Amino acid sequence: MPVLNGYMNITEAAEVLVIHTGTLKRLCREKRIAADKVYNGWLIHKDIVHEFAKDDRAQRGRPDLPL
């Protein structure tokens, strides 16, 4: 499938975000990441992927335990 300039498909975006493609599809369905549904696939703008990566990396991992 040819991808439009400035957009990534699920596989490309998942590689950038270092997450499973199924997880990224779920995030798209839940509207936690802005994406466009095109036929039976998702397209996500590169800027949105990189912004999400910046925000998501700060939230990953287990929360700190209270002392």
Protein backbone atom coordinates (compact mmCIF):
# COMPACT_ATOMS: atom_id res chain seq x y z
CA MET A 1 0.00 0.00 0.00
CA PRO A 2 1.55 3.35 -0.95
CA VAL A 3 1.73 5.66 2.02
CA LEU A 4 1.12 9.39 1.68
CA ASN A 5 3.98 11.76 2.39
CA GLY A 6 4.12 12.68 6.05
CA TYR A 7 2.14 9.62 7.16
CA MET A 8 3.16 6.23 8.57
CA ASN A 9 1.27 2.98 8.55
CA ILE A 10 0.83 0.90 11.72
CA THR A 11 3.99 -1.16 11.18
CA GLU A 12 6.23 1.86 10.65
CA ALA A 13 4.76 3.79 13.57
CA ALA A 14 4.99 0.77 15.90
CA GLU A 15 8.70 0.45 15.10
CA VAL A 16 9.28 4.11 15.98
CA LEU A 17 7.28 3.81 19.20
CA VAL A 18 8.84 0.40 20.07
CA ILE A 19 5.43 -1.17 20.74
CA HIS A 20 3.51 -4.08 19.25
CA THR A 21 1.33 -3.34 16.23
CA GLY A 22 -1.71 -4.69 18.09
CA THR A 23 -1.11 -2.23 20.91
CA LEU A 24 -0.89 0.65 18.46
CA LYS A 25 -4.11 -0.42 16.72
CA ARG A 26 -5.83 -0.44 20.13
CA LEU A 27 -4.52 3.07 20.87
CA CYS A 28 -5.92 4.23 17.52
CA ARG A 29 -9.33 2.62 18.15
CA GLU A 30 -9.47 4.19 21.63
CA LYS A 31 -8.51 7.57 20.11
CA ARG A 32 -5.50 7.83 22.45
CA ILE A 33 -3.40 8.64 19.38
CA ALA A 34 -4.82 10.61 16.46
CA ALA A 35 -5.02 8.42 13.36
CA ASP A 36 -7.04 8.13 10.19
CA LYS A 37 -8.78 4.87 9.33
CA VAL A 38 -8.29 4.16 5.63
CA TYR A 39 -10.11 1.04 4.44
CA ASN A 40 -8.91 -1.60 6.92
CA GLY A 41 -5.68 0.14 7.95
CA TRP A 42 -4.56 3.14 9.95
CA LEU A 43 -2.44 6.11 8.89
CA ILE A 44 -0.76 8.29 11.48
CA HIS A 45 1.01 11.56 10.75
CA LYS A 46 4.76 11.47 11.50
CA ASP A 47 4.54 14.55 13.75
CA ILE A 48 1.88 12.86 15.89
CA VAL A 49 3.98 9.69 16.18
CA HIS A 50 7.04 11.61 17.32
CA GLU A 51 5.03 13.75 19.77
CA PHE A 52 3.38 10.63 21.21
CA ALA A 53 6.79 8.97 21.55
CA LYS A 54 8.09 11.94 23.54
CA ASP A 55 5.10 11.94 25.89
CA ASP A 56 4.81 8.15 26.17
CA ARG A 57 8.44 7.49 27.12
CA ALA A 58 8.05 9.67 30.20
CA GLN A 59 5.08 7.54 31.35
CA ARG A 60 6.49 4.06 30.68
CA GLY A 61 7.53 1.64 33.38
CA ARG A 62 6.25 0.94 36.85
CA PRO A 63 5.20 3.88 38.96
CA ASP A 64 7.44 4.75 41.89
CA LEU A 65 6.47 3.12 45.15
CA PRO A 66 5.51 5.46 47.95
CA LEU A 67 8.14 5.60 50.69
